[in-house]
Amino acid sequence: MSGAHRRGRVVVVTGATGGVGRAAARAFGAQGAAVALLARGEYALERAAEEIREAGGRALPLVVDVADAEAVDAAASRIE
């Protein structure tokens, strides 16, 4: 899917504070997607969101442990 097809879409990235997750979140944001960032560490989440916003993207950082089903459901509700 090209970047033009991501404009106006919402992408959810888990593990968004490091490594592949952070790189993917930045790439999706640069391609015009709104990015919901999910991870356990609040400080790192805020920093990752700032990087996306500074590049002109939209980011929603959410502190979530994906092993917790209720937390994932709550995050999904916020993203919708």
PDB file of N, CA and C in Angstrom:
ATOM      1  N   MET A   1       0.853  -1.173   0.000  1.00  0.00           N
ATOM      2  CA  MET A   1       0.000   0.000   0.000  1.00  0.00           C
ATOM      3  C   MET A   1       0.896   1.233   0.000  1.00  0.00           C
ATOM      4  N   SER A   2       0.694   2.110  -0.926  1.00  0.00           N
ATOM      5  CA  SER A   2       1.510   3.311  -1.002  1.00  0.00           C
ATOM      6  C   SER A   2       1.098   4.319   0.066  1.00  0.00           C
ATOM      7  N   GLY A   3       1.974   5.295   0.297  1.00  0.00           N
ATOM      8  CA  GLY A   3       1.700   6.315   1.293  1.00  0.00           C
ATOM      9  C   GLY A   3       0.421   7.086   1.026  1.00  0.00           C
ATOM     10  N   ALA A   4       0.101   7.313  -0.246  1.00  0.00           N
ATOM     11  CA  ALA A   4      -1.115   8.057  -0.580  1.00  0.00           C
ATOM     12  C   ALA A   4      -2.361   7.336  -0.084  1.00  0.00           C
ATOM     13  N   HIS A   5      -2.315   6.022  -0.024  1.00  0.00           N
ATOM     14  CA  HIS A   5      -3.465   5.255   0.448  1.00  0.00           C
ATOM     15  C   HIS A   5      -3.610   5.292   1.967  1.00  0.00           C
ATOM     16  N   ARG A   6      -2.599   5.759   2.672  1.00  0.00           N
ATOM     17  CA  ARG A   6      -2.669   5.820   4.136  1.00  0.00           C
ATOM     18  C   ARG A   6      -3.239   7.140   4.633  1.00  0.00           C
ATOM     19  N   ARG A   7      -3.263   8.146   3.783  1.00  0.00           N
ATOM     20  CA  ARG A   7      -3.786   9.444   4.197  1.00  0.00           C
ATOM     21  C   ARG A   7      -5.235   9.288   4.626  1.00  0.00           C
ATOM     22  N   GLY A   8      -5.545   9.786   5.818  1.00  0.00           N
ATOM     23  CA  GLY A   8      -6.901   9.696   6.330  1.00  0.00           C
ATOM     24  C   GLY A   8      -7.212   8.388   7.045  1.00  0.00           C
ATOM     25  N   ARG A   9      -6.262   7.490   7.096  1.00  0.00           N
ATOM     26  CA  ARG A   9      -6.465   6.206   7.779  1.00  0.00           C
ATOM     27  C   ARG A   9      -5.899   6.267   9.189  1.00  0.00           C
ATOM     28  N   VAL A  10      -6.356   5.346  10.015  1.00  0.00           N
ATOM     29  CA  VAL A  10      -5.825   5.213  11.370  1.00  0.00           C
ATOM     30  C   VAL A  10      -5.036   3.914  11.430  1.00  0.00           C
ATOM     31  N   VAL A  11      -3.815   4.004  11.915  1.00  0.00           N
ATOM     32  CA  VAL A  11      -2.949   2.841  12.061  1.00  0.00           C
ATOM     33  C   VAL A  11      -2.658   2.660  13.543  1.00  0.00           C
ATOM     34  N   VAL A  12      -2.801   1.445  14.046  1.00  0.00           N
ATOM     35  CA  VAL A  12      -2.490   1.126  15.436  1.00  0.00           C
ATOM     36  C   VAL A  12      -1.159   0.392  15.460  1.00  0.00           C
ATOM     37  N   VAL A  13      -0.213   0.913  16.242  1.00  0.00           N
ATOM     38  CA  VAL A  13       1.104   0.292  16.352  1.00  0.00           C
ATOM     39  C   VAL A  13       1.345  -0.088  17.804  1.00  0.00           C
ATOM     40  N   THR A  14       1.513  -1.380  18.058  1.00  0.00           N
ATOM     41  CA  THR A  14       1.870  -1.835  19.399  1.00  0.00           C
ATOM     42  C   THR A  14       3.390  -1.881  19.499  1.00  0.00           C
ATOM     43  N   GLY A  15       3.895  -1.749  20.711  1.00  0.00           N
ATOM     44  CA  GLY A  15       5.345  -1.714  20.882  1.00  0.00           C
ATOM     45  C   GLY A  15       5.933  -0.494  20.198  1.00  0.00           C
ATOM     46  N   ALA A  16       5.214   0.616  20.270  1.00  0.00           N
ATOM     47  CA  ALA A  16       5.537   1.801  19.478  1.00  0.00           C
ATOM     48  C   ALA A  16       6.670   2.653  20.034  1.00  0.00           C
ATOM     49  N   THR A  17       7.287   2.233  21.125  1.00  0.00           N
ATOM     50  CA  THR A  17       8.317   3.079  21.728  1.00  0.00           C
ATOM     51  C   THR A  17       9.737   2.662  21.380  1.00  0.00           C
ATOM     52  N   GLY A  18       9.909   1.566  20.689  1.00  0.00           N
ATOM     53  CA  GLY A  18      11.275   1.159  20.388  1.00  0.00           C
ATOM     54  C   GLY A  18      11.378   0.307  19.149  1.00  0.00           C
ATOM     55  N   GLY A  19      12.560   0.280  18.595  1.00  0.00           N
ATOM     56  CA  GLY A  19      12.868  -0.610  17.494  1.00  0.00           C
ATOM     57  C   GLY A  19      11.930  -0.497  16.313  1.00  0.00           C
ATOM     58  N   VAL A  20      11.468  -1.655  15.858  1.00  0.00           N
ATOM     59  CA  VAL A  20      10.619  -1.735  14.673  1.00  0.00           C
ATOM     60  C   VAL A  20       9.306  -0.984  14.876  1.00  0.00           C
ATOM     61  N   GLY A  21       8.712  -1.092  16.059  1.00  0.00           N
ATOM     62  CA  GLY A  21       7.445  -0.416  16.316  1.00  0.00           C
ATOM     63  C   GLY A  21       7.557   1.091  16.179  1.00  0.00           C
ATOM     64  N   ARG A  22       8.610   1.655  16.736  1.00  0.00           N
ATOM     65  CA  ARG A  22       8.792   3.110  16.661  1.00  0.00           C
ATOM     66  C   ARG A  22       9.059   3.552  15.225  1.00  0.00           C
ATOM     67  N   ALA A  23       9.878   2.786  14.523  1.00  0.00           N
ATOM     68  CA  ALA A  23      10.169   3.109  13.126  1.00  0.00           C
ATOM     69  C   ALA A  23       8.904   3.011  12.274  1.00  0.00           C
ATOM     70  N   ALA A  24       8.098   1.990  12.513  1.00  0.00           N
ATOM     71  CA  ALA A  24       6.850   1.832  11.760  1.00  0.00           C
ATOM     72  C   ALA A  24       5.903   2.988  12.049  1.00  0.00           C
ATOM     73  N   ALA A  25       5.793   3.376  13.314  1.00  0.00           N
ATOM     74  CA  ALA A  25       4.912   4.481  13.687  1.00  0.00           C
ATOM     75  C   ALA A  25       5.334   5.770  12.987  1.00  0.00           C
ATOM     76  N   ARG A  26       6.636   6.046  12.969  1.00  0.00           N
ATOM     77  CA  ARG A  26       7.130   7.246  12.279  1.00  0.00           C
ATOM     78  C   ARG A  26       6.826   7.184  10.786  1.00  0.00           C
ATOM     79  N   ALA A  27       7.035   6.017  10.185  1.00  0.00           N
ATOM     80  CA  ALA A  27       6.802   5.872   8.743  1.00  0.00           C
ATOM     81  C   ALA A  27       5.327   6.066   8.402  1.00  0.00           C
ATOM     82  N   PHE A  28       4.444   5.452   9.175  1.00  0.00           N
ATOM     83  CA  PHE A  28       3.011   5.623   8.918  1.00  0.00           C
ATOM     84  C   PHE A  28       2.603   7.082   9.085  1.00  0.00           C
ATOM     85  N   GLY A  29       3.117   7.742  10.120  1.00  0.00           N
ATOM     86  CA  GLY A  29       2.808   9.151  10.329  1.00  0.00           C
ATOM     87  C   GLY A  29       3.290  10.012   9.176  1.00  0.00           C
ATOM     88  N   ALA A  30       4.484   9.730   8.675  1.00  0.00           N
ATOM     89  CA  ALA A  30       5.037  10.484   7.553  1.00  0.00           C
ATOM     90  C   ALA A  30       4.229  10.278   6.279  1.00  0.00           C
ATOM     91  N   GLN A  31       3.533   9.148   6.185  1.00  0.00           N
ATOM     92  CA  GLN A  31       2.723   8.848   5.006  1.00  0.00           C
ATOM     93  C   GLN A  31       1.287   9.354   5.142  1.00  0.00           C
ATOM     94  N   GLY A  32       1.005  10.079   6.213  1.00  0.00           N
ATOM     95  CA  GLY A  32      -0.299  10.712   6.347  1.00  0.00           C
ATOM     96  C   GLY A  32      -1.315   9.999   7.203  1.00  0.00           C
ATOM     97  N   ALA A  33      -0.957   8.850   7.760  1.00  0.00           N
ATOM     98  CA  ALA A  33      -1.903   8.136   8.623  1.00  0.00           C
ATOM     99  C   ALA A  33      -1.925   8.777  10.004  1.00  0.00           C
ATOM    100  N   ALA A  34      -3.063   8.701  10.659  1.00  0.00           N
ATOM    101  CA  ALA A  34      -3.135   9.031  12.084  1.00  0.00           C
ATOM    102  C   ALA A  34      -2.641   7.778  12.800  1.00  0.00           C
ATOM    103  N   VAL A  35      -1.745   7.949  13.758  1.00  0.00           N
ATOM    104  CA  VAL A  35      -1.108   6.798  14.386  1.00  0.00           C
ATOM    105  C   VAL A  35      -1.486   6.710  15.858  1.00  0.00           C
ATOM    106  N   ALA A  36      -2.087   5.586  16.232  1.00  0.00           N
ATOM    107  CA  ALA A  36      -2.338   5.283  17.642  1.00  0.00           C
ATOM    108  C   ALA A  36      -1.149   4.468  18.121  1.00  0.00           C
ATOM    109  N   LEU A  37      -0.426   5.022  19.082  1.00  0.00           N
ATOM    110  CA  LEU A  37       0.784   4.387  19.600  1.00  0.00           C
ATOM    111  C   LEU A  37       0.456   3.676  20.901  1.00  0.00           C
ATOM    112  N   LEU A  38       0.697   2.384  20.962  1.00  0.00           N
ATOM    113  CA  LEU A  38       0.430   1.608  22.173  1.00  0.00           C
ATOM    114  C   LEU A  38       1.732   1.042  22.714  1.00  0.00           C
ATOM    115  N   ALA A  39       1.961   1.260  24.002  1.00  0.00           N
ATOM    116  CA  ALA A  39       3.126   0.704  24.686  1.00  0.00           C
ATOM    117  C   ALA A  39       2.916   0.884  26.186  1.00  0.00           C
ATOM    118  N   ARG A  40       3.805   0.304  26.973  1.00  0.00           N
ATOM    119  CA  ARG A  40       3.660   0.370  28.425  1.00  0.00           C
ATOM    120  C   ARG A  40       4.327   1.584  29.056  1.00  0.00           C
ATOM    121  N   GLY A  41       5.336   2.151  28.421  1.00  0.00           N
ATOM    122  CA  GLY A  41       6.096   3.241  29.028  1.00  0.00           C
ATOM    123  C   GLY A  41       5.601   4.613  28.609  1.00  0.00           C
ATOM    124  N   GLU A  42       5.061   5.365  29.562  1.00  0.00           N
ATOM    125  CA  GLU A  42       4.451   6.662  29.251  1.00  0.00           C
ATOM    126  C   GLU A  42       5.446   7.672  28.683  1.00  0.00           C
ATOM    127  N   TYR A  43       6.625   7.802  29.304  1.00  0.00           N
ATOM    128  CA  TYR A  43       7.591   8.797  28.842  1.00  0.00           C
ATOM    129  C   TYR A  43       8.013   8.516  27.402  1.00  0.00           C
ATOM    130  N   ALA A  44       8.362   7.273  27.119  1.00  0.00           N
ATOM    131  CA  ALA A  44       8.796   6.911  25.766  1.00  0.00           C
ATOM    132  C   ALA A  44       7.659   7.081  24.760  1.00  0.00           C
ATOM    133  N   LEU A  45       6.434   6.809  25.182  1.00  0.00           N
ATOM    134  CA  LEU A  45       5.273   7.010  24.305  1.00  0.00           C
ATOM    135  C   LEU A  45       5.120   8.477  23.934  1.00  0.00           C
ATOM    136  N   GLU A  46       5.230   9.341  24.925  1.00  0.00           N
ATOM    137  CA  GLU A  46       5.096  10.777  24.659  1.00  0.00           C
ATOM    138  C   GLU A  46       6.184  11.248  23.708  1.00  0.00           C
ATOM    139  N   ARG A  47       7.397  10.756  23.892  1.00  0.00           N
ATOM    140  CA  ARG A  47       8.504  11.150  23.010  1.00  0.00           C
ATOM    141  C   ARG A  47       8.256  10.667  21.582  1.00  0.00           C
ATOM    142  N   ALA A  48       7.796   9.430  21.428  1.00  0.00           N
ATOM    143  CA  ALA A  48       7.501   8.895  20.093  1.00  0.00           C
ATOM    144  C   ALA A  48       6.390   9.706  19.424  1.00  0.00           C
ATOM    145  N   ALA A  49       5.369  10.076  20.198  1.00  0.00           N
ATOM    146  CA  ALA A  49       4.272  10.887  19.662  1.00  0.00           C
ATOM    147  C   ALA A  49       4.781  12.264  19.236  1.00  0.00           C
ATOM    148  N   GLU A  50       5.675  12.849  20.029  1.00  0.00           N
ATOM    149  CA  GLU A  50       6.245  14.152  19.682  1.00  0.00           C
ATOM    150  C   GLU A  50       6.993  14.080  18.359  1.00  0.00           C
ATOM    151  N   GLU A  51       7.743  12.997  18.144  1.00  0.00           N
ATOM    152  CA  GLU A  51       8.487  12.836  16.889  1.00  0.00           C
ATOM    153  C   GLU A  51       7.536  12.847  15.695  1.00  0.00           C
ATOM    154  N   ILE A  52       6.424  12.149  15.826  1.00  0.00           N
ATOM    155  CA  ILE A  52       5.448  12.089  14.732  1.00  0.00           C
ATOM    156  C   ILE A  52       4.823  13.460  14.509  1.00  0.00           C
ATOM    157  N   ARG A  53       4.455  14.129  15.591  1.00  0.00           N
ATOM    158  CA  ARG A  53       3.832  15.458  15.477  1.00  0.00           C
ATOM    159  C   ARG A  53       4.798  16.485  14.900  1.00  0.00           C
ATOM    160  N   GLU A  54       6.066  16.420  15.326  1.00  0.00           N
ATOM    161  CA  GLU A  54       7.064  17.358  14.813  1.00  0.00           C
ATOM    162  C   GLU A  54       7.266  17.192  13.314  1.00  0.00           C
ATOM    163  N   ALA A  55       7.010  15.995  12.809  1.00  0.00           N
ATOM    164  CA  ALA A  55       7.133  15.723  11.373  1.00  0.00           C
ATOM    165  C   ALA A  55       5.831  16.023  10.634  1.00  0.00           C
ATOM    166  N   GLY A  56       4.839  16.569  11.347  1.00  0.00           N
ATOM    167  CA  GLY A  56       3.580  16.950  10.726  1.00  0.00           C
ATOM    168  C   GLY A  56       2.488  15.901  10.784  1.00  0.00           C
ATOM    169  N   GLY A  57       2.726  14.808  11.503  1.00  0.00           N
ATOM    170  CA  GLY A  57       1.733  13.744  11.599  1.00  0.00           C
ATOM    171  C   GLY A  57       0.822  13.899  12.806  1.00  0.00           C
ATOM    172  N   ARG A  58      -0.156  13.004  12.890  1.00  0.00           N
ATOM    173  CA  ARG A  58      -1.081  12.976  14.027  1.00  0.00           C
ATOM    174  C   ARG A  58      -0.817  11.713  14.827  1.00  0.00           C
ATOM    175  N   ALA A  59      -0.745  11.867  16.152  1.00  0.00           N
ATOM    176  CA  ALA A  59      -0.422  10.730  17.010  1.00  0.00           C
ATOM    177  C   ALA A  59      -1.292  10.734  18.259  1.00  0.00           C
ATOM    178  N   LEU A  60      -1.703   9.537  18.659  1.00  0.00           N
ATOM    179  CA  LEU A  60      -2.456   9.346  19.896  1.00  0.00           C
ATOM    180  C   LEU A  60      -1.699   8.317  20.728  1.00  0.00           C
ATOM    181  N   PRO A  61      -0.929   8.772  21.732  1.00  0.00           N
ATOM    182  CA  PRO A  61      -0.197   7.825  22.576  1.00  0.00           C
ATOM    183  C   PRO A  61      -1.101   7.255  23.664  1.00  0.00           C
ATOM    184  N   LEU A  62      -1.099   5.926  23.801  1.00  0.00           N
ATOM    185  CA  LEU A  62      -1.920   5.257  24.807  1.00  0.00           C
ATOM    186  C   LEU A  62      -1.067   4.258  25.582  1.00  0.00           C
ATOM    187  N   VAL A  63      -1.030   4.435  26.898  1.00  0.00           N
ATOM    188  CA  VAL A  63      -0.310   3.488  27.749  1.00  0.00           C
ATOM    189  C   VAL A  63      -1.175   2.240  27.879  1.00  0.00           C
ATOM    190  N   VAL A  64      -0.697   1.134  27.307  1.00  0.00           N
ATOM    191  CA  VAL A  64      -1.464  -0.111  27.274  1.00  0.00           C
ATOM    192  C   VAL A  64      -0.507  -1.294  27.377  1.00  0.00           C
ATOM    193  N   ASP A  65      -0.871  -2.255  28.215  1.00  0.00           N
ATOM    194  CA  ASP A  65      -0.187  -3.544  28.236  1.00  0.00           C
ATOM    195  C   ASP A  65      -1.058  -4.475  27.404  1.00  0.00           C
ATOM    196  N   VAL A  66      -0.586  -4.886  26.235  1.00  0.00           N
ATOM    197  CA  VAL A  66      -1.424  -5.677  25.335  1.00  0.00           C
ATOM    198  C   VAL A  66      -1.732  -7.069  25.879  1.00  0.00           C
ATOM    199  N   ALA A  67      -1.111  -7.450  26.983  1.00  0.00           N
ATOM    200  CA  ALA A  67      -1.452  -8.717  27.637  1.00  0.00           C
ATOM    201  C   ALA A  67      -2.716  -8.582  28.485  1.00  0.00           C
ATOM    202  N   ASP A  68      -3.186  -7.351  28.674  1.00  0.00           N
ATOM    203  CA  ASP A  68      -4.381  -7.063  29.473  1.00  0.00           C
ATOM    204  C   ASP A  68      -5.553  -6.788  28.524  1.00  0.00           C
ATOM    205  N   ALA A  69      -6.438  -7.760  28.358  1.00  0.00           N
ATOM    206  CA  ALA A  69      -7.541  -7.653  27.399  1.00  0.00           C
ATOM    207  C   ALA A  69      -8.434  -6.446  27.667  1.00  0.00           C
ATOM    208  N   GLU A  70      -8.702  -6.148  28.932  1.00  0.00           N
ATOM    209  CA  GLU A  70      -9.551  -4.995  29.254  1.00  0.00           C
ATOM    210  C   GLU A  70      -8.883  -3.692  28.842  1.00  0.00           C
ATOM    211  N   ALA A  71      -7.572  -3.606  29.042  1.00  0.00           N
ATOM    212  CA  ALA A  71      -6.842  -2.403  28.650  1.00  0.00           C
ATOM    213  C   ALA A  71      -6.852  -2.237  27.130  1.00  0.00           C
ATOM    214  N   VAL A  72      -6.743  -3.339  26.417  1.00  0.00           N
ATOM    215  CA  VAL A  72      -6.789  -3.289  24.955  1.00  0.00           C
ATOM    216  C   VAL A  72      -8.175  -2.844  24.486  1.00  0.00           C
ATOM    217  N   ASP A  73      -9.222  -3.369  25.101  1.00  0.00           N
ATOM    218  CA  ASP A  73     -10.587  -2.952  24.756  1.00  0.00           C
ATOM    219  C   ASP A  73     -10.784  -1.461  25.008  1.00  0.00           C
ATOM    220  N   ALA A  74     -10.274  -0.970  26.138  1.00  0.00           N
ATOM    221  CA  ALA A  74     -10.396   0.451  26.460  1.00  0.00           C
ATOM    222  C   ALA A  74      -9.642   1.299  25.437  1.00  0.00           C
ATOM    223  N   ALA A  75      -8.462   0.843  25.042  1.00  0.00           N
ATOM    224  CA  ALA A  75      -7.686   1.573  24.038  1.00  0.00           C
ATOM    225  C   ALA A  75      -8.428   1.604  22.706  1.00  0.00           C
ATOM    226  N   ALA A  76      -9.014   0.482  22.322  1.00  0.00           N
ATOM    227  CA  ALA A  76      -9.765   0.423  21.062  1.00  0.00           C
ATOM    228  C   ALA A  76     -10.925   1.412  21.076  1.00  0.00           C
ATOM    229  N   SER A  77     -11.587   1.537  22.205  1.00  0.00           N
ATOM    230  CA  SER A  77     -12.693   2.493  22.329  1.00  0.00           C
ATOM    231  C   SER A  77     -12.199   3.922  22.161  1.00  0.00           C
ATOM    232  N   ARG A  78     -11.045   4.230  22.720  1.00  0.00           N
ATOM    233  CA  ARG A  78     -10.486   5.584  22.582  1.00  0.00           C
ATOM    234  C   ARG A  78     -10.078   5.864  21.142  1.00  0.00           C
ATOM    235  N   ILE A  79      -9.552   4.852  20.474  1.00  0.00           N
ATOM    236  CA  ILE A  79      -9.093   5.026  19.097  1.00  0.00           C
ATOM    237  C   ILE A  79     -10.270   5.250  18.156  1.00  0.00           C
ATOM    238  N   GLU A  80     -11.360   4.537  18.386  1.00  0.00           N
ATOM    239  CA  GLU A  80     -12.541   4.681  17.524  1.00  0.00           C
ATOM    240  C   GLU A  80     -13.084   6.079  17.618  1.00  0.00           C
TER     241      GLU A  80
END
